[in-house]
Amino acid sequence: MRNRVRAADGRYLTVERLGDPRGRPVFLLHGTPGSRLGPAPRGMVLYQRRTQLITYDRPGYGGSDRQEGRRVSDVVEDVRAIADSLGLERFAVVGRSGGAPHALACAALLPERVTRTA
């Protein structure tokens, strides 16, 4: 399922959710350059693992609006907005390549919500 989420500052983020909608939520943060359309496990694997994969285009990539002066730590507000829009209280984060610092920022700045980081 693909949709657009409005960030706290009014930007729009393009979000995609794959796999089991009742499964464990995992944010997959794409590399640089990249987008939400990068490699992802097949839907069947996600259902078998009872996992829902949430991926989105970071600001300025794919279908998401740019964010002038953006810092890595700004990812936290975007992930929070997406999680809130999907009704997710707690979730894991995975960073692929250039997405790794973004995953670590989420773990450091959202410790009450992030269950695991890779």
PDB file of N, CA and C in Angstrom:
ATOM      1  N   MET A   1       0.841  -1.167   0.000  1.00  0.00           N
ATOM      2  CA  MET A   1       0.000   0.000   0.000  1.00  0.00           C
ATOM      3  C   MET A   1       0.893   1.238   0.000  1.00  0.00           C
ATOM      4  N   ARG A   2       0.664   2.148  -0.939  1.00  0.00           N
ATOM      5  CA  ARG A   2       1.432   3.382  -1.020  1.00  0.00           C
ATOM      6  C   ARG A   2       0.535   4.549  -0.658  1.00  0.00           C
ATOM      7  N   ASN A   3       1.074   5.481   0.104  1.00  0.00           N
ATOM      8  CA  ASN A   3       0.325   6.694   0.399  1.00  0.00           C
ATOM      9  C   ASN A   3       1.287   7.840   0.681  1.00  0.00           C
ATOM     10  N   ARG A   4       0.729   9.003   0.895  1.00  0.00           N
ATOM     11  CA  ARG A   4       1.539  10.178   1.208  1.00  0.00           C
ATOM     12  C   ARG A   4       1.182  10.633   2.610  1.00  0.00           C
ATOM     13  N   VAL A   5       2.218  10.959   3.361  1.00  0.00           N
ATOM     14  CA  VAL A   5       2.056  11.398   4.743  1.00  0.00           C
ATOM     15  C   VAL A   5       2.574  12.828   4.836  1.00  0.00           C
ATOM     16  N   ARG A   6       1.854  13.642   5.549  1.00  0.00           N
ATOM     17  CA  ARG A   6       2.276  15.034   5.750  1.00  0.00           C
ATOM     18  C   ARG A   6       3.171  15.102   6.980  1.00  0.00           C
ATOM     19  N   ALA A   7       4.374  15.641   6.803  1.00  0.00           N
ATOM     20  CA  ALA A   7       5.318  15.821   7.909  1.00  0.00           C
ATOM     21  C   ALA A   7       4.882  17.023   8.746  1.00  0.00           C
ATOM     22  N   ALA A   8       5.457  17.149   9.937  1.00  0.00           N
ATOM     23  CA  ALA A   8       5.089  18.230  10.847  1.00  0.00           C
ATOM     24  C   ALA A   8       5.301  19.612  10.230  1.00  0.00           C
ATOM     25  N   ASP A   9       6.293  19.747   9.338  1.00  0.00           N
ATOM     26  CA  ASP A   9       6.582  21.048   8.727  1.00  0.00           C
ATOM     27  C   ASP A   9       5.816  21.285   7.423  1.00  0.00           C
ATOM     28  N   GLY A  10       4.886  20.384   7.085  1.00  0.00           N
ATOM     29  CA  GLY A  10       4.036  20.566   5.919  1.00  0.00           C
ATOM     30  C   GLY A  10       4.486  19.847   4.658  1.00  0.00           C
ATOM     31  N   ARG A  11       5.701  19.293   4.654  1.00  0.00           N
ATOM     32  CA  ARG A  11       6.165  18.535   3.488  1.00  0.00           C
ATOM     33  C   ARG A  11       5.373  17.244   3.371  1.00  0.00           C
ATOM     34  N   TYR A  12       5.366  16.679   2.148  1.00  0.00           N
ATOM     35  CA  TYR A  12       4.750  15.374   1.935  1.00  0.00           C
ATOM     36  C   TYR A  12       5.826  14.323   1.716  1.00  0.00           C
ATOM     37  N   LEU A  13       5.618  13.155   2.318  1.00  0.00           N
ATOM     38  CA  LEU A  13       6.516  12.009   2.198  1.00  0.00           C
ATOM     39  C   LEU A  13       5.752  10.874   1.527  1.00  0.00           C
ATOM     40  N   THR A  14       6.373  10.230   0.552  1.00  0.00           N
ATOM     41  CA  THR A  14       5.756   9.083  -0.107  1.00  0.00           C
ATOM     42  C   THR A  14       6.168   7.824   0.642  1.00  0.00           C
ATOM     43  N   VAL A  15       5.181   7.077   1.108  1.00  0.00           N
ATOM     44  CA  VAL A  15       5.381   5.932   1.995  1.00  0.00           C
ATOM     45  C   VAL A  15       4.797   4.685   1.351  1.00  0.00           C
ATOM     46  N   GLU A  16       5.462   3.563   1.556  1.00  0.00           N
ATOM     47  CA  GLU A  16       4.945   2.285   1.076  1.00  0.00           C
ATOM     48  C   GLU A  16       5.011   1.282   2.225  1.00  0.00           C
ATOM     49  N   ARG A  17       3.942   0.504   2.356  1.00  0.00           N
ATOM     50  CA  ARG A  17       3.898  -0.545   3.388  1.00  0.00           C
ATOM     51  C   ARG A  17       3.691  -1.870   2.682  1.00  0.00           C
ATOM     52  N   LEU A  18       4.579  -2.820   2.965  1.00  0.00           N
ATOM     53  CA  LEU A  18       4.562  -4.138   2.333  1.00  0.00           C
ATOM     54  C   LEU A  18       4.428  -5.219   3.399  1.00  0.00           C
ATOM     55  N   GLY A  19       3.945  -6.375   2.996  1.00  0.00           N
ATOM     56  CA  GLY A  19       3.895  -7.516   3.907  1.00  0.00           C
ATOM     57  C   GLY A  19       2.633  -7.573   4.737  1.00  0.00           C
ATOM     58  N   ASP A  20       2.758  -8.176   5.910  1.00  0.00           N
ATOM     59  CA  ASP A  20       1.636  -8.445   6.806  1.00  0.00           C
ATOM     60  C   ASP A  20       1.252  -7.178   7.570  1.00  0.00           C
ATOM     61  N   PRO A  21       0.090  -6.586   7.299  1.00  0.00           N
ATOM     62  CA  PRO A  21      -0.288  -5.343   7.970  1.00  0.00           C
ATOM     63  C   PRO A  21      -0.460  -5.490   9.482  1.00  0.00           C
ATOM     64  N   ARG A  22      -0.571  -6.728   9.966  1.00  0.00           N
ATOM     65  CA  ARG A  22      -0.668  -6.966  11.411  1.00  0.00           C
ATOM     66  C   ARG A  22       0.645  -7.470  11.989  1.00  0.00           C
ATOM     67  N   GLY A  23       1.670  -7.548  11.146  1.00  0.00           N
ATOM     68  CA  GLY A  23       2.965  -8.065  11.579  1.00  0.00           C
ATOM     69  C   GLY A  23       3.795  -7.022  12.309  1.00  0.00           C
ATOM     70  N   ARG A  24       4.971  -7.462  12.760  1.00  0.00           N
ATOM     71  CA  ARG A  24       5.907  -6.562  13.441  1.00  0.00           C
ATOM     72  C   ARG A  24       6.338  -5.460  12.475  1.00  0.00           C
ATOM     73  N   PRO A  25       6.195  -4.200  12.859  1.00  0.00           N
ATOM     74  CA  PRO A  25       6.577  -3.113  11.963  1.00  0.00           C
ATOM     75  C   PRO A  25       8.089  -2.889  11.945  1.00  0.00           C
ATOM     76  N   VAL A  26       8.624  -2.774  10.727  1.00  0.00           N
ATOM     77  CA  VAL A  26      10.047  -2.513  10.522  1.00  0.00           C
ATOM     78  C   VAL A  26      10.174  -1.411   9.476  1.00  0.00           C
ATOM     79  N   PHE A  27      10.826  -0.313   9.843  1.00  0.00           N
ATOM     80  CA  PHE A  27      11.134   0.740   8.878  1.00  0.00           C
ATOM     81  C   PHE A  27      12.424   0.375   8.171  1.00  0.00           C
ATOM     82  N   LEU A  28      12.411   0.399   6.845  1.00  0.00           N
ATOM     83  CA  LEU A  28      13.605   0.193   6.035  1.00  0.00           C
ATOM     84  C   LEU A  28      13.979   1.544   5.434  1.00  0.00           C
ATOM     85  N   LEU A  29      15.129   2.078   5.856  1.00  0.00           N
ATOM     86  CA  LEU A  29      15.581   3.396   5.418  1.00  0.00           C
ATOM     87  C   LEU A  29      16.592   3.225   4.292  1.00  0.00           C
ATOM     88  N   HIS A  30      16.266   3.758   3.127  1.00  0.00           N
ATOM     89  CA  HIS A  30      17.054   3.509   1.916  1.00  0.00           C
ATOM     90  C   HIS A  30      18.417   4.199   1.931  1.00  0.00           C
ATOM     91  N   GLY A  31      19.273   3.736   1.026  1.00  0.00           N
ATOM     92  CA  GLY A  31      20.619   4.277   0.880  1.00  0.00           C
ATOM     93  C   GLY A  31      20.646   5.581   0.100  1.00  0.00           C
ATOM     94  N   THR A  32      21.882   6.036  -0.154  1.00  0.00           N
ATOM     95  CA  THR A  32      22.106   7.298  -0.844  1.00  0.00           C
ATOM     96  C   THR A  32      22.936   7.045  -2.087  1.00  0.00           C
ATOM     97  N   PRO A  33      22.468   7.311  -3.282  1.00  0.00           N
ATOM     98  CA  PRO A  33      21.087   7.658  -3.591  1.00  0.00           C
ATOM     99  C   PRO A  33      20.214   6.419  -3.499  1.00  0.00           C
ATOM    100  N   GLY A  34      18.959   6.596  -3.538  1.00  0.00           N
ATOM    101  CA  GLY A  34      18.033   5.469  -3.465  1.00  0.00           C
ATOM    102  C   GLY A  34      16.619   5.970  -3.303  1.00  0.00           C
ATOM    103  N   SER A  35      15.727   5.039  -3.041  1.00  0.00           N
ATOM    104  CA  SER A  35      14.326   5.387  -2.813  1.00  0.00           C
ATOM    105  C   SER A  35      13.640   4.199  -2.154  1.00  0.00           C
ATOM    106  N   ARG A  36      12.376   4.355  -1.879  1.00  0.00           N
ATOM    107  CA  ARG A  36      11.597   3.275  -1.274  1.00  0.00           C
ATOM    108  C   ARG A  36      11.478   2.086  -2.212  1.00  0.00           C
ATOM    109  N   LEU A  37      11.800   2.267  -3.493  1.00  0.00           N
ATOM    110  CA  LEU A  37      11.628   1.219  -4.496  1.00  0.00           C
ATOM    111  C   LEU A  37      12.832   0.296  -4.615  1.00  0.00           C
ATOM    112  N   GLY A  38      13.802   0.411  -3.733  1.00  0.00           N
ATOM    113  CA  GLY A  38      14.978  -0.455  -3.781  1.00  0.00           C
ATOM    114  C   GLY A  38      14.633  -1.891  -3.441  1.00  0.00           C
ATOM    115  N   PRO A  39      15.641  -2.757  -3.369  1.00  0.00           N
ATOM    116  CA  PRO A  39      15.398  -4.173  -3.070  1.00  0.00           C
ATOM    117  C   PRO A  39      14.649  -4.349  -1.747  1.00  0.00           C
ATOM    118  N   ALA A  40      13.681  -5.218  -1.760  1.00  0.00           N
ATOM    119  CA  ALA A  40      12.904  -5.538  -0.556  1.00  0.00           C
ATOM    120  C   ALA A  40      12.540  -7.012  -0.610  1.00  0.00           C
ATOM    121  N   PRO A  41      12.345  -7.635   0.548  1.00  0.00           N
ATOM    122  CA  PRO A  41      11.915  -9.042   0.549  1.00  0.00           C
ATOM    123  C   PRO A  41      10.572  -9.193  -0.158  1.00  0.00           C
ATOM    124  N   ARG A  42      10.353 -10.339  -0.751  1.00  0.00           N
ATOM    125  CA  ARG A  42       9.062 -10.624  -1.381  1.00  0.00           C
ATOM    126  C   ARG A  42       7.962 -10.648  -0.324  1.00  0.00           C
ATOM    127  N   GLY A  43       6.766 -10.275  -0.750  1.00  0.00           N
ATOM    128  CA  GLY A  43       5.632 -10.222   0.162  1.00  0.00           C
ATOM    129  C   GLY A  43       5.405 -11.512   0.917  1.00  0.00           C
ATOM    130  N   MET A  44       5.597 -12.651   0.237  1.00  0.00           N
ATOM    131  CA  MET A  44       5.387 -13.948   0.876  1.00  0.00           C
ATOM    132  C   MET A  44       6.330 -14.120   2.071  1.00  0.00           C
ATOM    133  N   VAL A  45       7.577 -13.714   1.910  1.00  0.00           N
ATOM    134  CA  VAL A  45       8.556 -13.832   2.996  1.00  0.00           C
ATOM    135  C   VAL A  45       8.139 -12.955   4.171  1.00  0.00           C
ATOM    136  N   LEU A  46       7.668 -11.754   3.880  1.00  0.00           N
ATOM    137  CA  LEU A  46       7.229 -10.862   4.950  1.00  0.00           C
ATOM    138  C   LEU A  46       6.045 -11.453   5.708  1.00  0.00           C
ATOM    139  N   TYR A  47       5.104 -12.074   5.001  1.00  0.00           N
ATOM    140  CA  TYR A  47       3.968 -12.716   5.671  1.00  0.00           C
ATOM    141  C   TYR A  47       4.437 -13.905   6.506  1.00  0.00           C
ATOM    142  N   GLN A  48       5.341 -14.702   5.963  1.00  0.00           N
ATOM    143  CA  GLN A  48       5.856 -15.853   6.711  1.00  0.00           C
ATOM    144  C   GLN A  48       6.552 -15.407   7.991  1.00  0.00           C
ATOM    145  N   ARG A  49       7.213 -14.277   7.928  1.00  0.00           N
ATOM    146  CA  ARG A  49       7.941 -13.749   9.089  1.00  0.00           C
ATOM    147  C   ARG A  49       7.075 -12.831   9.950  1.00  0.00           C
ATOM    148  N   ARG A  50       5.800 -12.701   9.566  1.00  0.00           N
ATOM    149  CA  ARG A  50       4.858 -11.832  10.291  1.00  0.00           C
ATOM    150  C   ARG A  50       5.437 -10.423  10.463  1.00  0.00           C
ATOM    151  N   THR A  51       5.845  -9.877   9.333  1.00  0.00           N
ATOM    152  CA  THR A  51       6.504  -8.571   9.325  1.00  0.00           C
ATOM    153  C   THR A  51       5.819  -7.637   8.341  1.00  0.00           C
ATOM    154  N   GLN A  52       5.634  -6.389   8.765  1.00  0.00           N
ATOM    155  CA  GLN A  52       5.228  -5.346   7.827  1.00  0.00           C
ATOM    156  C   GLN A  52       6.426  -4.428   7.640  1.00  0.00           C
ATOM    157  N   LEU A  53       6.778  -4.195   6.404  1.00  0.00           N
ATOM    158  CA  LEU A  53       7.928  -3.373   6.055  1.00  0.00           C
ATOM    159  C   LEU A  53       7.418  -2.003   5.624  1.00  0.00           C
ATOM    160  N   ILE A  54       7.896  -0.969   6.309  1.00  0.00           N
ATOM    161  CA  ILE A  54       7.514   0.398   5.981  1.00  0.00           C
ATOM    162  C   ILE A  54       8.740   1.076   5.393  1.00  0.00           C
ATOM    163  N   THR A  55       8.599   1.570   4.194  1.00  0.00           N
ATOM    164  CA  THR A  55       9.701   2.251   3.537  1.00  0.00           C
ATOM    165  C   THR A  55       9.172   3.543   2.937  1.00  0.00           C
ATOM    166  N   TYR A  56      10.011   4.554   2.894  1.00  0.00           N
ATOM    167  CA  TYR A  56       9.566   5.838   2.348  1.00  0.00           C
ATOM    168  C   TYR A  56      10.725   6.523   1.643  1.00  0.00           C
ATOM    169  N   ASP A  57      10.374   7.452   0.763  1.00  0.00           N
ATOM    170  CA  ASP A  57      11.382   8.258   0.082  1.00  0.00           C
ATOM    171  C   ASP A  57      11.807   9.377   1.022  1.00  0.00           C
ATOM    172  N   ARG A  58      13.097   9.403   1.361  1.00  0.00           N
ATOM    173  CA  ARG A  58      13.588  10.503   2.187  1.00  0.00           C
ATOM    174  C   ARG A  58      13.418  11.819   1.422  1.00  0.00           C
ATOM    175  N   PRO A  59      13.427  12.955   2.126  1.00  0.00           N
ATOM    176  CA  PRO A  59      13.224  14.248   1.467  1.00  0.00           C
ATOM    177  C   PRO A  59      14.145  14.447   0.261  1.00  0.00           C
ATOM    178  N   GLY A  60      13.524  14.838  -0.862  1.00  0.00           N
ATOM    179  CA  GLY A  60      14.268  15.089  -2.085  1.00  0.00           C
ATOM    180  C   GLY A  60      14.457  13.874  -2.967  1.00  0.00           C
ATOM    181  N   TYR A  61      14.048  12.708  -2.508  1.00  0.00           N
ATOM    182  CA  TYR A  61      14.146  11.474  -3.291  1.00  0.00           C
ATOM    183  C   TYR A  61      12.747  11.048  -3.711  1.00  0.00           C
ATOM    184  N   GLY A  62      12.662  10.373  -4.858  1.00  0.00           N
ATOM    185  CA  GLY A  62      11.391   9.796  -5.305  1.00  0.00           C
ATOM    186  C   GLY A  62      10.251  10.788  -5.236  1.00  0.00           C
ATOM    187  N   GLY A  63       9.184  10.418  -4.545  1.00  0.00           N
ATOM    188  CA  GLY A  63       7.991  11.251  -4.481  1.00  0.00           C
ATOM    189  C   GLY A  63       7.892  12.150  -3.267  1.00  0.00           C
ATOM    190  N   SER A  64       8.952  12.251  -2.466  1.00  0.00           N
ATOM    191  CA  SER A  64       8.897  13.095  -1.263  1.00  0.00           C
ATOM    192  C   SER A  64       9.435  14.497  -1.542  1.00  0.00           C
ATOM    193  N   ASP A  65       8.828  15.475  -0.887  1.00  0.00           N
ATOM    194  CA  ASP A  65       9.256  16.869  -1.043  1.00  0.00           C
ATOM    195  C   ASP A  65      10.652  17.083  -0.464  1.00  0.00           C
ATOM    196  N   ARG A  66      11.370  18.039  -1.050  1.00  0.00           N
ATOM    197  CA  ARG A  66      12.695  18.411  -0.539  1.00  0.00           C
ATOM    198  C   ARG A  66      12.574  19.078   0.827  1.00  0.00           C
ATOM    199  N   GLN A  67      13.693  19.079   1.561  1.00  0.00           N
ATOM    200  CA  GLN A  67      13.767  19.774   2.842  1.00  0.00           C
ATOM    201  C   GLN A  67      15.090  20.527   2.867  1.00  0.00           C
ATOM    202  N   GLU A  68      15.023  21.829   2.717  1.00  0.00           N
ATOM    203  CA  GLU A  68      16.236  22.655   2.707  1.00  0.00           C
ATOM    204  C   GLU A  68      16.950  22.570   4.054  1.00  0.00           C
ATOM    205  N   GLY A  69      18.286  22.475   4.004  1.00  0.00           N
ATOM    206  CA  GLY A  69      19.086  22.461   5.224  1.00  0.00           C
ATOM    207  C   GLY A  69      18.937  21.197   6.050  1.00  0.00           C
ATOM    208  N   ARG A  70      18.463  20.137   5.444  1.00  0.00           N
ATOM    209  CA  ARG A  70      18.192  18.882   6.156  1.00  0.00           C
ATOM    210  C   ARG A  70      19.453  18.295   6.778  1.00  0.00           C
ATOM    211  N   ARG A  71      19.298  17.754   7.999  1.00  0.00           N
ATOM    212  CA  ARG A  71      20.356  17.027   8.702  1.00  0.00           C
ATOM    213  C   ARG A  71      19.903  15.588   8.905  1.00  0.00           C
ATOM    214  N   VAL A  72      20.851  14.697   9.131  1.00  0.00           N
ATOM    215  CA  VAL A  72      20.510  13.281   9.346  1.00  0.00           C
ATOM    216  C   VAL A  72      19.503  13.141  10.480  1.00  0.00           C
ATOM    217  N   SER A  73      19.677  13.885  11.549  1.00  0.00           N
ATOM    218  CA  SER A  73      18.776  13.757  12.705  1.00  0.00           C
ATOM    219  C   SER A  73      17.339  14.168  12.381  1.00  0.00           C
ATOM    220  N   ASP A  74      17.129  14.892  11.284  1.00  0.00           N
ATOM    221  CA  ASP A  74      15.768  15.286  10.902  1.00  0.00           C
ATOM    222  C   ASP A  74      14.897  14.089  10.528  1.00  0.00           C
ATOM    223  N   VAL A  75      15.539  12.947  10.257  1.00  0.00           N
ATOM    224  CA  VAL A  75      14.781  11.736   9.921  1.00  0.00           C
ATOM    225  C   VAL A  75      13.801  11.372  11.042  1.00  0.00           C
ATOM    226  N   VAL A  76      14.161  11.706  12.259  1.00  0.00           N
ATOM    227  CA  VAL A  76      13.346  11.320  13.415  1.00  0.00           C
ATOM    228  C   VAL A  76      11.924  11.869  13.296  1.00  0.00           C
ATOM    229  N   GLU A  77      11.785  13.131  12.923  1.00  0.00           N
ATOM    230  CA  GLU A  77      10.443  13.714  12.809  1.00  0.00           C
ATOM    231  C   GLU A  77       9.658  13.090  11.663  1.00  0.00           C
ATOM    232  N   ASP A  78      10.356  12.722  10.580  1.00  0.00           N
ATOM    233  CA  ASP A  78       9.660  12.069   9.466  1.00  0.00           C
ATOM    234  C   ASP A  78       9.174  10.680   9.862  1.00  0.00           C
ATOM    235  N   VAL A  79      10.041   9.905  10.502  1.00  0.00           N
ATOM    236  CA  VAL A  79       9.656   8.556  10.934  1.00  0.00           C
ATOM    237  C   VAL A  79       8.533   8.637  11.969  1.00  0.00           C
ATOM    238  N   ARG A  80       8.622   9.590  12.875  1.00  0.00           N
ATOM    239  CA  ARG A  80       7.556   9.768  13.877  1.00  0.00           C
ATOM    240  C   ARG A  80       6.223  10.076  13.184  1.00  0.00           C
ATOM    241  N   ALA A  81       6.231  10.978  12.200  1.00  0.00           N
ATOM    242  CA  ALA A  81       4.998  11.341  11.490  1.00  0.00           C
ATOM    243  C   ALA A  81       4.405  10.136  10.765  1.00  0.00           C
ATOM    244  N   ILE A  82       5.269   9.340  10.135  1.00  0.00           N
ATOM    245  CA  ILE A  82       4.789   8.157   9.417  1.00  0.00           C
ATOM    246  C   ILE A  82       4.230   7.133  10.401  1.00  0.00           C
ATOM    247  N   ALA A  83       4.976   6.859  11.469  1.00  0.00           N
ATOM    248  CA  ALA A  83       4.518   5.887  12.469  1.00  0.00           C
ATOM    249  C   ALA A  83       3.183   6.325  13.069  1.00  0.00           C
ATOM    250  N   ASP A  84       3.070   7.598  13.398  1.00  0.00           N
ATOM    251  CA  ASP A  84       1.814   8.103  13.961  1.00  0.00           C
ATOM    252  C   ASP A  84       0.666   7.944  12.966  1.00  0.00           C
ATOM    253  N   SER A  85       0.920   8.233  11.693  1.00  0.00           N
ATOM    254  CA  SER A  85      -0.147   8.129  10.691  1.00  0.00           C
ATOM    255  C   SER A  85      -0.602   6.688  10.491  1.00  0.00           C
ATOM    256  N   LEU A  86       0.300   5.737  10.744  1.00  0.00           N
ATOM    257  CA  LEU A  86      -0.031   4.315  10.597  1.00  0.00           C
ATOM    258  C   LEU A  86      -0.482   3.682  11.915  1.00  0.00           C
ATOM    259  N   GLY A  87      -0.505   4.458  12.990  1.00  0.00           N
ATOM    260  CA  GLY A  87      -0.919   3.941  14.292  1.00  0.00           C
ATOM    261  C   GLY A  87       0.093   3.005  14.925  1.00  0.00           C
ATOM    262  N   LEU A  88       1.378   3.227  14.655  1.00  0.00           N
ATOM    263  CA  LEU A  88       2.439   2.360  15.185  1.00  0.00           C
ATOM    264  C   LEU A  88       3.093   3.012  16.393  1.00  0.00           C
ATOM    265  N   GLU A  89       2.985   2.369  17.535  1.00  0.00           N
ATOM    266  CA  GLU A  89       3.601   2.903  18.749  1.00  0.00           C
ATOM    267  C   GLU A  89       5.085   2.549  18.816  1.00  0.00           C
ATOM    268  N   ARG A  90       5.407   1.284  18.474  1.00  0.00           N
ATOM    269  CA  ARG A  90       6.801   0.809  18.542  1.00  0.00           C
ATOM    270  C   ARG A  90       7.139   0.103  17.241  1.00  0.00           C
ATOM    271  N   PHE A  91       8.418   0.145  16.874  1.00  0.00           N
ATOM    272  CA  PHE A  91       8.856  -0.405  15.590  1.00  0.00           C
ATOM    273  C   PHE A  91      10.369  -0.568  15.594  1.00  0.00           C
ATOM    274  N   ALA A  92      10.848  -1.389  14.679  1.00  0.00           N
ATOM    275  CA  ALA A  92      12.287  -1.547  14.456  1.00  0.00           C
ATOM    276  C   ALA A  92      12.689  -0.667  13.278  1.00  0.00           C
ATOM    277  N   VAL A  93      13.986  -0.343  13.195  1.00  0.00           N
ATOM    278  CA  VAL A  93      14.506   0.418  12.056  1.00  0.00           C
ATOM    279  C   VAL A  93      15.723  -0.301  11.491  1.00  0.00           C
ATOM    280  N   VAL A  94      15.790  -0.330  10.159  1.00  0.00           N
ATOM    281  CA  VAL A  94      16.918  -0.927   9.442  1.00  0.00           C
ATOM    282  C   VAL A  94      17.400   0.106   8.440  1.00  0.00           C
ATOM    283  N   GLY A  95      18.699   0.356   8.424  1.00  0.00           N
ATOM    284  CA  GLY A  95      19.263   1.286   7.457  1.00  0.00           C
ATOM    285  C   GLY A  95      20.128   0.548   6.456  1.00  0.00           C
ATOM    286  N   ARG A  96      19.846   0.747   5.178  1.00  0.00           N
ATOM    287  CA  ARG A  96      20.638   0.127   4.125  1.00  0.00           C
ATOM    288  C   ARG A  96      21.632   1.166   3.615  1.00  0.00           C
ATOM    289  N   SER A  97      22.923   0.850   3.657  1.00  0.00           N
ATOM    290  CA  SER A  97      23.969   1.713   3.114  1.00  0.00           C
ATOM    291  C   SER A  97      23.863   3.110   3.735  1.00  0.00           C
ATOM    292  N   GLY A  98      23.609   4.141   2.921  1.00  0.00           N
ATOM    293  CA  GLY A  98      23.507   5.505   3.428  1.00  0.00           C
ATOM    294  C   GLY A  98      22.331   5.725   4.357  1.00  0.00           C
ATOM    295  N   GLY A  99      21.455   4.741   4.491  1.00  0.00           N
ATOM    296  CA  GLY A  99      20.347   4.829   5.436  1.00  0.00           C
ATOM    297  C   GLY A  99      20.747   4.448   6.855  1.00  0.00           C
ATOM    298  N   ALA A 100      21.950   3.851   7.007  1.00  0.00           N
ATOM    299  CA  ALA A 100      22.395   3.412   8.336  1.00  0.00           C
ATOM    300  C   ALA A 100      22.479   4.561   9.340  1.00  0.00           C
ATOM    301  N   PRO A 101      23.082   5.707   9.001  1.00  0.00           N
ATOM    302  CA  PRO A 101      23.101   6.803   9.973  1.00  0.00           C
ATOM    303  C   PRO A 101      21.699   7.276  10.355  1.00  0.00           C
ATOM    304  N   HIS A 102      20.767   7.177   9.428  1.00  0.00           N
ATOM    305  CA  HIS A 102      19.387   7.569   9.717  1.00  0.00           C
ATOM    306  C   HIS A 102      18.749   6.597  10.712  1.00  0.00           C
ATOM    307  N   ALA A 103      19.024   5.305  10.553  1.00  0.00           N
ATOM    308  CA  ALA A 103      18.510   4.307  11.497  1.00  0.00           C
ATOM    309  C   ALA A 103      19.093   4.545  12.887  1.00  0.00           C
ATOM    310  N   LEU A 104      20.382   4.848  12.946  1.00  0.00           N
ATOM    311  CA  LEU A 104      21.018   5.115  14.240  1.00  0.00           C
ATOM    312  C   LEU A 104      20.447   6.376  14.882  1.00  0.00           C
ATOM    313  N   ALA A 105      20.148   7.389  14.081  1.00  0.00           N
ATOM    314  CA  ALA A 105      19.535   8.603  14.624  1.00  0.00           C
ATOM    315  C   ALA A 105      18.174   8.288  15.241  1.00  0.00           C
ATOM    316  N   CYS A 106      17.399   7.441  14.572  1.00  0.00           N
ATOM    317  CA  CYS A 106      16.095   7.046  15.126  1.00  0.00           C
ATOM    318  C   CYS A 106      16.270   6.323  16.454  1.00  0.00           C
ATOM    319  N   ALA A 107      17.227   5.401  16.506  1.00  0.00           N
ATOM    320  CA  ALA A 107      17.462   4.652  17.744  1.00  0.00           C
ATOM    321  C   ALA A 107      17.887   5.581  18.877  1.00  0.00           C
ATOM    322  N   ALA A 108      18.738   6.555  18.564  1.00  0.00           N
ATOM    323  CA  ALA A 108      19.240   7.464  19.595  1.00  0.00           C
ATOM    324  C   ALA A 108      18.189   8.467  20.060  1.00  0.00           C
ATOM    325  N   LEU A 109      17.361   8.943  19.144  1.00  0.00           N
ATOM    326  CA  LEU A 109      16.447  10.038  19.462  1.00  0.00           C
ATOM    327  C   LEU A 109      14.993   9.626  19.661  1.00  0.00           C
ATOM    328  N   LEU A 110      14.687   8.346  19.387  1.00  0.00           N
ATOM    329  CA  LEU A 110      13.339   7.805  19.634  1.00  0.00           C
ATOM    330  C   LEU A 110      13.432   6.511  20.445  1.00  0.00           C
ATOM    331  N   PRO A 111      14.201   6.488  21.522  1.00  0.00           N
ATOM    332  CA  PRO A 111      14.415   5.219  22.231  1.00  0.00           C
ATOM    333  C   PRO A 111      13.142   4.611  22.804  1.00  0.00           C
ATOM    334  N   GLU A 112      12.143   5.436  23.074  1.00  0.00           N
ATOM    335  CA  GLU A 112      10.886   4.924  23.630  1.00  0.00           C
ATOM    336  C   GLU A 112      10.035   4.225  22.573  1.00  0.00           C
ATOM    337  N   ARG A 113      10.397   4.381  21.295  1.00  0.00           N
ATOM    338  CA  ARG A 113       9.595   3.785  20.225  1.00  0.00           C
ATOM    339  C   ARG A 113      10.346   2.742  19.414  1.00  0.00           C
ATOM    340  N   VAL A 114      11.669   2.861  19.329  1.00  0.00           N
ATOM    341  CA  VAL A 114      12.467   1.946  18.507  1.00  0.00           C
ATOM    342  C   VAL A 114      12.810   0.698  19.320  1.00  0.00           C
ATOM    343  N   THR A 115      12.415  -0.456  18.796  1.00  0.00           N
ATOM    344  CA  THR A 115      12.645  -1.724  19.496  1.00  0.00           C
ATOM    345  C   THR A 115      13.983  -2.352  19.148  1.00  0.00           C
ATOM    346  N   ARG A 116      14.426  -2.184  17.901  1.00  0.00           N
ATOM    347  CA  ARG A 116      15.688  -2.756  17.420  1.00  0.00           C
ATOM    348  C   ARG A 116      16.210  -1.895  16.285  1.00  0.00           C
ATOM    349  N   THR A 117      17.524  -1.990  16.088  1.00  0.00           N
ATOM    350  CA  THR A 117      18.164  -1.237  15.007  1.00  0.00           C
ATOM    351  C   THR A 117      19.179  -2.117  14.313  1.00  0.00           C
ATOM    352  N   ALA A 118      19.218  -2.020  12.998  1.00  0.00           N
ATOM    353  CA  ALA A 118      20.238  -2.743  12.220  1.00  0.00           C
ATOM    354  C   ALA A 118      20.665  -1.872  11.057  1.00  0.00           C
TER     355      ALA A 118
END
